[in-house]
N, C-alpha and C. Protein backbone atom coordinates (compact mmCIF):
# COMPACT_ATOMS: atom_id res chain seq x y z
N MET A 1 -34.26 -0.62 18.79
CA MET A 1 -33.89 0.69 19.26
C MET A 1 -33.95 1.66 18.10
N ASN A 2 -34.63 2.76 18.27
CA ASN A 2 -34.76 3.77 17.22
C ASN A 2 -33.60 4.75 17.31
N GLU A 3 -32.78 4.77 16.27
CA GLU A 3 -31.64 5.68 16.18
C GLU A 3 -31.66 6.34 14.82
N THR A 4 -31.12 7.54 14.75
CA THR A 4 -30.98 8.23 13.48
C THR A 4 -29.54 8.04 13.02
N THR A 5 -29.36 7.23 12.00
CA THR A 5 -28.04 6.98 11.44
C THR A 5 -27.84 7.88 10.23
N VAL A 6 -26.70 8.56 10.18
CA VAL A 6 -26.41 9.48 9.08
C VAL A 6 -25.06 9.14 8.46
N CYS A 7 -24.91 9.57 7.23
CA CYS A 7 -23.61 9.52 6.54
C CYS A 7 -23.39 10.90 5.98
N VAL A 8 -22.34 11.58 6.44
CA VAL A 8 -22.06 12.94 6.00
C VAL A 8 -20.68 13.01 5.36
N VAL A 9 -20.54 13.90 4.41
CA VAL A 9 -19.28 14.11 3.71
C VAL A 9 -18.90 15.57 3.91
N GLY A 10 -17.69 15.80 4.41
CA GLY A 10 -17.25 17.17 4.65
C GLY A 10 -15.76 17.24 4.90
N ASN A 11 -15.33 18.38 5.46
CA ASN A 11 -13.91 18.60 5.76
C ASN A 11 -13.70 18.73 7.26
N VAL A 12 -12.56 18.26 7.73
CA VAL A 12 -12.21 18.37 9.14
C VAL A 12 -11.97 19.85 9.44
N ALA A 13 -12.76 20.39 10.39
CA ALA A 13 -12.70 21.82 10.68
C ALA A 13 -11.82 22.14 11.88
N THR A 14 -11.56 21.19 12.76
CA THR A 14 -10.66 21.40 13.91
C THR A 14 -9.72 20.22 14.02
N GLN A 15 -8.55 20.49 14.56
CA GLN A 15 -7.58 19.40 14.76
C GLN A 15 -8.19 18.38 15.73
N PRO A 16 -8.16 17.07 15.39
CA PRO A 16 -8.72 16.07 16.29
C PRO A 16 -8.02 16.08 17.66
N VAL A 17 -8.83 15.93 18.72
CA VAL A 17 -8.33 15.88 20.09
C VAL A 17 -8.49 14.44 20.57
N PHE A 18 -7.41 13.87 21.06
CA PHE A 18 -7.40 12.47 21.51
C PHE A 18 -7.22 12.44 23.02
N ARG A 19 -8.01 11.62 23.69
CA ARG A 19 -7.92 11.47 25.15
C ARG A 19 -8.01 10.01 25.53
N GLU A 20 -7.20 9.63 26.53
CA GLU A 20 -7.33 8.31 27.15
C GLU A 20 -8.25 8.48 28.35
N THR A 21 -9.36 7.74 28.35
CA THR A 21 -10.31 7.82 29.46
C THR A 21 -10.41 6.46 30.13
N ALA A 22 -11.14 6.40 31.24
CA ALA A 22 -11.34 5.13 31.94
C ALA A 22 -12.09 4.14 31.06
N ALA A 23 -12.95 4.63 30.18
CA ALA A 23 -13.73 3.76 29.29
C ALA A 23 -12.95 3.38 28.03
N GLY A 24 -11.76 3.92 27.85
CA GLY A 24 -10.96 3.65 26.67
C GLY A 24 -10.66 4.93 25.91
N PRO A 25 -9.92 4.83 24.82
CA PRO A 25 -9.56 6.02 24.04
C PRO A 25 -10.79 6.70 23.44
N SER A 26 -10.69 8.02 23.30
CA SER A 26 -11.76 8.81 22.71
C SER A 26 -11.14 9.93 21.88
N ALA A 27 -11.74 10.22 20.73
CA ALA A 27 -11.27 11.31 19.87
C ALA A 27 -12.48 12.16 19.48
N ARG A 28 -12.22 13.46 19.30
CA ARG A 28 -13.28 14.40 18.96
C ARG A 28 -12.72 15.41 17.96
N PHE A 29 -13.54 15.76 16.96
CA PHE A 29 -13.20 16.83 16.04
C PHE A 29 -14.49 17.38 15.44
N ARG A 30 -14.39 18.55 14.81
CA ARG A 30 -15.54 19.16 14.16
C ARG A 30 -15.44 18.90 12.66
N LEU A 31 -16.58 18.63 12.06
CA LEU A 31 -16.66 18.36 10.63
C LEU A 31 -17.56 19.41 10.00
N ALA A 32 -17.07 20.10 8.97
CA ALA A 32 -17.84 21.11 8.25
C ALA A 32 -18.43 20.47 7.00
N VAL A 33 -19.75 20.52 6.87
CA VAL A 33 -20.44 19.93 5.73
C VAL A 33 -21.16 21.06 5.00
N THR A 34 -20.69 21.34 3.79
CA THR A 34 -21.23 22.47 3.02
C THR A 34 -22.09 21.96 1.87
N GLN A 35 -23.30 22.49 1.80
CA GLN A 35 -24.20 22.16 0.70
C GLN A 35 -23.67 22.82 -0.57
N ARG A 36 -23.67 22.07 -1.69
CA ARG A 36 -23.29 22.65 -2.99
C ARG A 36 -24.45 22.44 -3.94
N PHE A 37 -24.70 23.45 -4.76
CA PHE A 37 -25.78 23.32 -5.72
C PHE A 37 -25.41 24.03 -7.01
N TRP A 38 -26.11 23.65 -8.09
CA TRP A 38 -25.86 24.23 -9.40
C TRP A 38 -26.73 25.46 -9.57
N ASP A 39 -26.09 26.60 -9.80
CA ASP A 39 -26.80 27.86 -10.02
C ASP A 39 -27.02 28.00 -11.52
N ARG A 40 -28.28 27.86 -11.95
CA ARG A 40 -28.59 27.90 -13.39
C ARG A 40 -28.37 29.29 -13.98
N GLU A 41 -28.62 30.30 -13.17
CA GLU A 41 -28.44 31.67 -13.68
C GLU A 41 -26.99 31.98 -13.99
N LYS A 42 -26.08 31.56 -13.10
CA LYS A 42 -24.65 31.83 -13.28
C LYS A 42 -23.93 30.68 -13.97
N ASN A 43 -24.65 29.58 -14.19
CA ASN A 43 -24.09 28.40 -14.85
C ASN A 43 -22.81 27.91 -14.16
N ALA A 44 -22.89 27.81 -12.83
CA ALA A 44 -21.73 27.39 -12.04
C ALA A 44 -22.20 26.77 -10.71
N TRP A 45 -21.30 26.02 -10.09
CA TRP A 45 -21.58 25.46 -8.76
C TRP A 45 -21.42 26.56 -7.72
N ARG A 46 -22.28 26.54 -6.70
CA ARG A 46 -22.20 27.50 -5.60
C ARG A 46 -22.27 26.77 -4.28
N ASP A 47 -21.61 27.35 -3.29
CA ASP A 47 -21.69 26.82 -1.93
C ASP A 47 -22.91 27.39 -1.24
N GLY A 48 -23.59 26.53 -0.50
CA GLY A 48 -24.74 26.95 0.28
C GLY A 48 -24.38 27.02 1.75
N HIS A 49 -25.33 26.67 2.59
CA HIS A 49 -25.15 26.72 4.04
C HIS A 49 -24.16 25.64 4.50
N THR A 50 -23.36 25.95 5.52
CA THR A 50 -22.43 24.99 6.11
C THR A 50 -22.94 24.55 7.47
N ASN A 51 -23.06 23.24 7.65
CA ASN A 51 -23.43 22.66 8.94
C ASN A 51 -22.15 22.14 9.61
N PHE A 52 -22.06 22.31 10.91
CA PHE A 52 -20.93 21.82 11.67
C PHE A 52 -21.41 20.73 12.61
N PHE A 53 -20.70 19.59 12.59
CA PHE A 53 -21.01 18.46 13.46
C PHE A 53 -19.80 18.19 14.34
N THR A 54 -20.04 17.89 15.61
CA THR A 54 -18.98 17.39 16.47
C THR A 54 -18.97 15.88 16.32
N VAL A 55 -17.85 15.33 15.89
CA VAL A 55 -17.75 13.89 15.66
C VAL A 55 -16.99 13.28 16.84
N TRP A 56 -17.57 12.24 17.43
CA TRP A 56 -16.94 11.49 18.52
C TRP A 56 -16.60 10.11 18.03
N ALA A 57 -15.38 9.67 18.29
CA ALA A 57 -14.94 8.31 17.96
C ALA A 57 -14.41 7.67 19.23
N ASN A 58 -14.67 6.40 19.42
CA ASN A 58 -14.24 5.71 20.64
C ASN A 58 -13.45 4.45 20.32
N ARG A 59 -12.67 4.02 21.30
CA ARG A 59 -11.87 2.80 21.27
C ARG A 59 -10.94 2.74 20.06
N VAL A 60 -10.97 1.67 19.29
CA VAL A 60 -10.03 1.49 18.17
C VAL A 60 -10.21 2.57 17.12
N LEU A 61 -11.45 2.95 16.87
CA LEU A 61 -11.71 4.01 15.89
C LEU A 61 -11.03 5.31 16.32
N ALA A 62 -11.04 5.61 17.61
CA ALA A 62 -10.39 6.83 18.12
C ALA A 62 -8.88 6.78 17.88
N ALA A 63 -8.27 5.64 18.15
CA ALA A 63 -6.82 5.49 17.94
C ALA A 63 -6.48 5.65 16.45
N ASN A 64 -7.33 5.11 15.59
CA ASN A 64 -7.08 5.24 14.14
C ASN A 64 -7.30 6.67 13.67
N VAL A 65 -8.25 7.39 14.27
CA VAL A 65 -8.45 8.81 13.94
C VAL A 65 -7.20 9.59 14.31
N GLN A 66 -6.65 9.31 15.49
CA GLN A 66 -5.45 10.02 15.92
C GLN A 66 -4.31 9.82 14.92
N ALA A 67 -4.18 8.61 14.38
CA ALA A 67 -3.07 8.30 13.47
C ALA A 67 -3.33 8.74 12.03
N SER A 68 -4.59 8.99 11.66
CA SER A 68 -4.91 9.16 10.25
C SER A 68 -5.55 10.48 9.84
N VAL A 69 -6.16 11.22 10.77
CA VAL A 69 -6.96 12.38 10.39
C VAL A 69 -6.28 13.68 10.80
N SER A 70 -6.26 14.63 9.87
CA SER A 70 -5.67 15.95 10.12
C SER A 70 -6.63 17.04 9.69
N LEU A 71 -6.37 18.23 10.14
CA LEU A 71 -7.17 19.41 9.83
C LEU A 71 -7.26 19.62 8.32
N GLY A 72 -8.48 19.87 7.83
CA GLY A 72 -8.70 20.20 6.42
C GLY A 72 -8.95 19.01 5.51
N GLU A 73 -8.76 17.80 5.97
CA GLU A 73 -8.91 16.64 5.11
C GLU A 73 -10.38 16.34 4.83
N PRO A 74 -10.69 15.87 3.59
CA PRO A 74 -12.07 15.50 3.27
C PRO A 74 -12.38 14.11 3.83
N LEU A 75 -13.49 14.00 4.57
CA LEU A 75 -13.85 12.73 5.20
C LEU A 75 -15.29 12.37 4.92
N MET A 76 -15.57 11.09 5.06
CA MET A 76 -16.94 10.57 5.10
C MET A 76 -17.11 9.98 6.50
N VAL A 77 -18.18 10.35 7.18
CA VAL A 77 -18.43 9.89 8.54
C VAL A 77 -19.81 9.26 8.60
N ARG A 78 -19.88 8.04 9.13
CA ARG A 78 -21.15 7.37 9.35
C ARG A 78 -21.31 7.15 10.84
N GLY A 79 -22.51 7.40 11.36
CA GLY A 79 -22.73 7.18 12.78
C GLY A 79 -24.12 7.61 13.22
N ARG A 80 -24.31 7.65 14.53
CA ARG A 80 -25.59 8.00 15.14
C ARG A 80 -25.65 9.51 15.40
N LEU A 81 -26.68 10.15 14.89
CA LEU A 81 -26.86 11.58 15.06
C LEU A 81 -27.54 11.86 16.40
N LYS A 82 -26.99 12.84 17.12
CA LYS A 82 -27.59 13.29 18.38
C LYS A 82 -27.66 14.81 18.33
N VAL A 83 -28.85 15.35 18.55
CA VAL A 83 -29.04 16.80 18.59
C VAL A 83 -29.27 17.18 20.04
N ARG A 84 -28.45 18.08 20.55
CA ARG A 84 -28.53 18.48 21.96
C ARG A 84 -28.90 19.96 22.05
N SER A 85 -29.81 20.26 22.96
CA SER A 85 -30.19 21.65 23.24
C SER A 85 -29.93 21.93 24.70
N GLU A 86 -29.42 23.13 24.99
CA GLU A 86 -29.15 23.50 26.38
C GLU A 86 -29.21 25.01 26.54
N GLN A 87 -29.32 25.43 27.78
CA GLN A 87 -29.34 26.85 28.11
C GLN A 87 -27.97 27.23 28.69
N ARG A 88 -27.33 28.26 28.10
CA ARG A 88 -26.05 28.77 28.61
C ARG A 88 -26.16 30.29 28.72
N ASP A 89 -25.90 30.78 29.89
CA ASP A 89 -25.91 32.23 30.12
C ASP A 89 -27.18 32.90 29.58
N GLY A 90 -28.31 32.22 29.77
CA GLY A 90 -29.58 32.78 29.35
C GLY A 90 -29.88 32.62 27.87
N GLN A 91 -29.00 31.97 27.13
CA GLN A 91 -29.23 31.77 25.70
C GLN A 91 -29.44 30.28 25.42
N SER A 92 -30.23 30.00 24.43
CA SER A 92 -30.49 28.61 24.02
C SER A 92 -29.46 28.21 22.96
N TRP A 93 -28.80 27.08 23.19
CA TRP A 93 -27.80 26.56 22.26
C TRP A 93 -28.24 25.19 21.78
N THR A 94 -28.05 24.94 20.50
CA THR A 94 -28.35 23.63 19.91
C THR A 94 -27.11 23.17 19.15
N GLY A 95 -26.73 21.91 19.38
CA GLY A 95 -25.56 21.37 18.71
C GLY A 95 -25.85 19.97 18.16
N ALA A 96 -25.24 19.64 17.05
CA ALA A 96 -25.40 18.33 16.43
C ALA A 96 -24.11 17.55 16.60
N GLU A 97 -24.23 16.32 17.09
CA GLU A 97 -23.09 15.45 17.30
C GLU A 97 -23.30 14.15 16.55
N ILE A 98 -22.22 13.55 16.14
CA ILE A 98 -22.28 12.24 15.50
C ILE A 98 -21.38 11.31 16.30
N GLU A 99 -21.95 10.24 16.82
CA GLU A 99 -21.16 9.18 17.46
C GLU A 99 -20.77 8.23 16.33
N ALA A 100 -19.53 8.34 15.87
CA ALA A 100 -19.09 7.67 14.64
C ALA A 100 -18.96 6.16 14.82
N THR A 101 -19.40 5.45 13.79
CA THR A 101 -19.17 4.01 13.70
C THR A 101 -18.16 3.70 12.59
N ALA A 102 -18.00 4.63 11.64
CA ALA A 102 -17.02 4.46 10.56
C ALA A 102 -16.60 5.84 10.06
N ILE A 103 -15.30 5.97 9.79
CA ILE A 103 -14.74 7.22 9.27
C ILE A 103 -13.74 6.85 8.18
N GLY A 104 -13.80 7.55 7.06
CA GLY A 104 -12.85 7.28 5.98
C GLY A 104 -12.59 8.53 5.16
N HIS A 105 -11.47 8.54 4.47
CA HIS A 105 -11.15 9.66 3.59
C HIS A 105 -12.03 9.59 2.34
N ASP A 106 -12.40 10.76 1.82
CA ASP A 106 -13.21 10.85 0.62
C ASP A 106 -12.28 10.69 -0.58
N LEU A 107 -12.27 9.50 -1.17
CA LEU A 107 -11.35 9.20 -2.27
C LEU A 107 -11.75 9.87 -3.58
N ALA A 108 -12.91 10.52 -3.62
CA ALA A 108 -13.27 11.30 -4.80
C ALA A 108 -12.44 12.57 -4.87
N ARG A 109 -11.79 12.93 -3.76
CA ARG A 109 -11.03 14.18 -3.70
C ARG A 109 -9.56 13.99 -3.38
N GLY A 110 -9.09 12.75 -3.34
CA GLY A 110 -7.68 12.51 -3.07
C GLY A 110 -7.41 11.03 -2.90
N THR A 111 -6.18 10.69 -2.55
CA THR A 111 -5.81 9.30 -2.36
C THR A 111 -5.47 9.04 -0.89
N ALA A 112 -5.48 7.80 -0.52
CA ALA A 112 -5.12 7.40 0.85
C ALA A 112 -4.42 6.05 0.78
N ALA A 113 -3.58 5.76 1.75
CA ALA A 113 -2.90 4.48 1.84
C ALA A 113 -3.40 3.77 3.10
N PHE A 114 -4.05 2.64 2.92
CA PHE A 114 -4.61 1.90 4.05
C PHE A 114 -3.54 1.04 4.71
N ARG A 115 -3.49 1.08 6.02
CA ARG A 115 -2.61 0.22 6.80
C ARG A 115 -3.46 -0.44 7.88
N ARG A 116 -3.51 -1.76 7.87
CA ARG A 116 -4.30 -2.49 8.85
C ARG A 116 -3.66 -2.36 10.23
N THR A 117 -4.49 -2.10 11.24
CA THR A 117 -3.99 -2.03 12.61
C THR A 117 -4.12 -3.40 13.25
N LEU A 118 -3.23 -3.68 14.16
CA LEU A 118 -3.25 -4.96 14.85
C LEU A 118 -3.98 -4.81 16.16
N ARG A 119 -4.76 -5.80 16.51
CA ARG A 119 -5.45 -5.79 17.80
C ARG A 119 -4.46 -6.16 18.89
N GLY A 120 -4.83 -5.97 20.15
CA GLY A 120 -3.94 -6.15 21.28
C GLY A 120 -3.18 -7.46 21.28
N ASP A 121 -3.87 -8.60 21.16
CA ASP A 121 -3.20 -9.90 21.20
C ASP A 121 -2.36 -10.13 19.96
N GLN A 122 -2.80 -9.63 18.80
CA GLN A 122 -2.01 -9.77 17.58
C GLN A 122 -0.76 -8.91 17.64
N ALA A 123 -0.87 -7.75 18.29
CA ALA A 123 0.27 -6.83 18.37
C ALA A 123 1.41 -7.46 19.15
N THR A 124 1.11 -8.15 20.25
CA THR A 124 2.18 -8.76 21.04
C THR A 124 2.79 -9.93 20.29
N ASP A 125 1.97 -10.68 19.53
CA ASP A 125 2.51 -11.80 18.75
C ASP A 125 3.41 -11.31 17.63
N ARG A 126 3.09 -10.15 17.06
CA ARG A 126 3.85 -9.64 15.93
C ARG A 126 5.09 -8.87 16.33
N THR A 127 5.25 -8.53 17.61
CA THR A 127 6.41 -7.77 18.04
C THR A 127 7.69 -8.53 17.71
N ALA A 128 7.71 -9.81 17.99
CA ALA A 128 8.88 -10.64 17.68
C ALA A 128 9.10 -10.71 16.18
N ASP A 129 8.00 -10.80 15.41
CA ASP A 129 8.12 -10.85 13.96
C ASP A 129 8.73 -9.56 13.42
N ARG A 130 8.31 -8.40 13.96
CA ARG A 130 8.85 -7.13 13.49
C ARG A 130 10.33 -7.02 13.81
N THR A 131 10.74 -7.50 14.99
CA THR A 131 12.15 -7.47 15.34
C THR A 131 12.95 -8.32 14.37
N ALA A 132 12.45 -9.50 14.06
CA ALA A 132 13.13 -10.37 13.10
C ALA A 132 13.17 -9.73 11.73
N ASP A 133 12.09 -9.04 11.33
CA ASP A 133 12.06 -8.36 10.05
C ASP A 133 13.10 -7.25 9.99
N GLN A 134 13.26 -6.52 11.07
CA GLN A 134 14.24 -5.43 11.10
C GLN A 134 15.65 -5.99 10.96
N VAL A 135 15.91 -7.14 11.58
CA VAL A 135 17.24 -7.75 11.48
C VAL A 135 17.48 -8.24 10.06
N SER A 136 16.43 -8.85 9.44
CA SER A 136 16.61 -9.41 8.10
C SER A 136 16.48 -8.35 7.01
N GLY A 137 16.00 -7.15 7.37
CA GLY A 137 15.91 -6.08 6.39
C GLY A 137 14.55 -5.95 5.73
N ARG A 138 13.59 -6.80 6.08
CA ARG A 138 12.25 -6.64 5.52
C ARG A 138 11.59 -5.44 6.17
N SER A 139 10.68 -4.79 5.45
CA SER A 139 10.09 -3.55 5.96
C SER A 139 8.77 -3.77 6.68
N SER A 140 8.15 -4.90 6.54
CA SER A 140 6.82 -5.10 7.12
C SER A 140 6.80 -6.36 7.96
N GLY A 141 5.93 -6.37 8.98
CA GLY A 141 5.77 -7.55 9.82
C GLY A 141 4.96 -8.63 9.13
N ALA A 142 4.18 -8.27 8.12
CA ALA A 142 3.36 -9.25 7.43
C ALA A 142 4.19 -9.93 6.34
N PRO A 143 3.95 -11.22 6.12
CA PRO A 143 4.67 -11.89 5.05
C PRO A 143 4.27 -11.31 3.70
N ALA A 144 5.21 -11.26 2.79
CA ALA A 144 4.94 -10.70 1.47
C ALA A 144 3.98 -11.62 0.73
N ARG A 145 2.95 -11.03 0.14
CA ARG A 145 1.99 -11.81 -0.63
C ARG A 145 2.20 -11.49 -2.10
N PRO A 146 2.22 -12.52 -2.94
CA PRO A 146 2.37 -12.23 -4.37
C PRO A 146 1.10 -11.58 -4.90
N GLU A 147 1.28 -10.76 -5.91
CA GLU A 147 0.14 -10.12 -6.56
C GLU A 147 -0.70 -11.18 -7.26
N PRO A 148 -2.03 -11.20 -7.07
CA PRO A 148 -2.84 -12.22 -7.73
C PRO A 148 -2.86 -12.02 -9.24
N ASN A 149 -2.92 -13.13 -9.97
CA ASN A 149 -2.99 -13.08 -11.43
C ASN A 149 -4.46 -13.09 -11.81
N TRP A 150 -4.95 -11.98 -12.34
CA TRP A 150 -6.37 -11.86 -12.67
C TRP A 150 -6.67 -12.35 -14.08
N GLU A 151 -5.64 -12.71 -14.84
CA GLU A 151 -5.85 -13.20 -16.20
C GLU A 151 -6.30 -14.65 -16.14
N THR A 152 -7.10 -15.06 -17.13
CA THR A 152 -7.57 -16.45 -17.21
C THR A 152 -6.44 -17.31 -17.73
N GLU A 153 -6.13 -18.35 -16.98
CA GLU A 153 -5.07 -19.27 -17.37
C GLU A 153 -5.60 -20.21 -18.45
N PRO A 154 -4.77 -20.59 -19.44
CA PRO A 154 -5.22 -21.58 -20.42
C PRO A 154 -5.41 -22.93 -19.73
N ALA A 155 -6.38 -23.68 -20.20
CA ALA A 155 -6.68 -24.97 -19.59
C ALA A 155 -5.52 -25.93 -19.83
N ALA A 156 -5.10 -26.59 -18.76
CA ALA A 156 -4.02 -27.57 -18.87
C ALA A 156 -4.57 -28.83 -19.52
N PRO A 157 -3.79 -29.51 -20.37
CA PRO A 157 -4.28 -30.72 -21.01
C PRO A 157 -4.48 -31.82 -19.96
N THR A 158 -5.60 -32.50 -20.08
CA THR A 158 -5.88 -33.62 -19.16
C THR A 158 -5.53 -34.92 -19.85
N ALA A 159 -5.57 -36.00 -19.11
CA ALA A 159 -5.27 -37.32 -19.67
C ALA A 159 -6.29 -37.67 -20.74
N GLU A 160 -7.57 -37.33 -20.50
CA GLU A 160 -8.62 -37.62 -21.48
C GLU A 160 -8.39 -36.84 -22.76
N ALA A 161 -7.97 -35.58 -22.64
CA ALA A 161 -7.72 -34.77 -23.83
C ALA A 161 -6.55 -35.36 -24.62
N GLY A 162 -5.53 -35.83 -23.92
CA GLY A 162 -4.37 -36.44 -24.59
C GLY A 162 -4.77 -37.71 -25.34
N GLU A 163 -5.63 -38.54 -24.70
CA GLU A 163 -6.08 -39.78 -25.35
C GLU A 163 -6.93 -39.46 -26.58
N ALA A 164 -7.77 -38.43 -26.49
CA ALA A 164 -8.62 -38.05 -27.62
C ALA A 164 -7.76 -37.56 -28.78
N ALA A 165 -6.73 -36.80 -28.47
CA ALA A 165 -5.84 -36.30 -29.52
C ALA A 165 -5.12 -37.45 -30.20
N GLU A 166 -4.65 -38.45 -29.41
CA GLU A 166 -3.97 -39.61 -30.00
C GLU A 166 -4.93 -40.40 -30.88
N ALA A 167 -6.19 -40.56 -30.43
CA ALA A 167 -7.18 -41.29 -31.22
C ALA A 167 -7.45 -40.56 -32.52
N GLY A 168 -7.53 -39.22 -32.44
CA GLY A 168 -7.78 -38.43 -33.65
C GLY A 168 -6.62 -38.55 -34.62
N GLN A 169 -5.38 -38.57 -34.12
CA GLN A 169 -4.21 -38.72 -34.99
C GLN A 169 -4.17 -40.10 -35.62
N ALA A 170 -4.54 -41.15 -34.86
CA ALA A 170 -4.55 -42.51 -35.40
C ALA A 170 -5.61 -42.63 -36.49
N HIS A 171 -6.76 -41.98 -36.28
CA HIS A 171 -7.83 -42.04 -37.27
C HIS A 171 -7.40 -41.36 -38.57
N GLU A 172 -6.74 -40.19 -38.45
CA GLU A 172 -6.27 -39.48 -39.64
C GLU A 172 -5.20 -40.29 -40.36
N ALA A 173 -4.31 -40.95 -39.63
CA ALA A 173 -3.27 -41.77 -40.26
C ALA A 173 -3.90 -42.94 -40.99
N ALA A 174 -4.95 -43.54 -40.41
CA ALA A 174 -5.63 -44.67 -41.06
C ALA A 174 -6.32 -44.20 -42.33
N LEU A 175 -6.92 -43.01 -42.30
CA LEU A 175 -7.57 -42.50 -43.50
C LEU A 175 -6.56 -42.24 -44.60
N GLN A 176 -5.38 -41.77 -44.21
CA GLN A 176 -4.35 -41.50 -45.22
C GLN A 176 -3.86 -42.80 -45.84
N ARG A 177 -3.82 -43.87 -45.06
CA ARG A 177 -3.34 -45.15 -45.59
C ARG A 177 -4.49 -45.93 -46.23
N GLN A 178 -5.70 -45.38 -46.17
CA GLN A 178 -6.89 -46.03 -46.68
C GLN A 178 -7.20 -47.32 -45.96
N GLU A 179 -6.89 -47.37 -44.66
CA GLU A 179 -7.20 -48.54 -43.86
C GLU A 179 -8.43 -48.21 -43.01
N PRO A 180 -9.22 -49.20 -42.65
CA PRO A 180 -10.35 -48.94 -41.77
C PRO A 180 -9.84 -48.61 -40.38
N ALA A 181 -10.44 -47.60 -39.75
CA ALA A 181 -10.04 -47.17 -38.42
C ALA A 181 -10.60 -48.14 -37.39
N LEU A 182 -9.82 -48.39 -36.38
CA LEU A 182 -10.27 -49.24 -35.29
C LEU A 182 -11.16 -48.44 -34.36
N ALA A 183 -12.20 -49.04 -33.87
CA ALA A 183 -13.10 -48.37 -32.93
C ALA A 183 -12.45 -48.33 -31.57
N MET A 184 -12.48 -47.25 -30.95
CA MET A 184 -11.89 -47.13 -29.62
C MET A 184 -12.93 -46.90 -28.60
């Protein structure tokens, strides 16, 4: 199937609209993508033309957009580009839409805190865990994981290394006593 896949970086231009439909959740917002270029004459960055895309997200992605995206935030959007032309009131209109497959915050311009969402069957299994966590005072339904140690651990001595060290000590003791060393 021939599709035009794009990845655009811009700012959220309208507050996302979330709807529950018969086909599942859907979210829509406009993304403003402004060209920037270096002006050699003025020795500074300048803004060029701004393109506006209507971004559509469906199902789980739509629910995550509702929980995570707000007006003005810098985003990266990947998805299928669709250009639509139509006649309205005697005028020709053309619009660009992106059916999103992935949406994320642009971390070159700020920070974000990722929280994994639970799927339907996992959510019902974790409900009891969250209740137990609230009673015990833990803040998360997931078990606490220790931070991994990225440092290289020193090698633990093995039995062979211990035997070699003992043989080396016996050999040195024999040399000090001027006795012939036994072959091991």
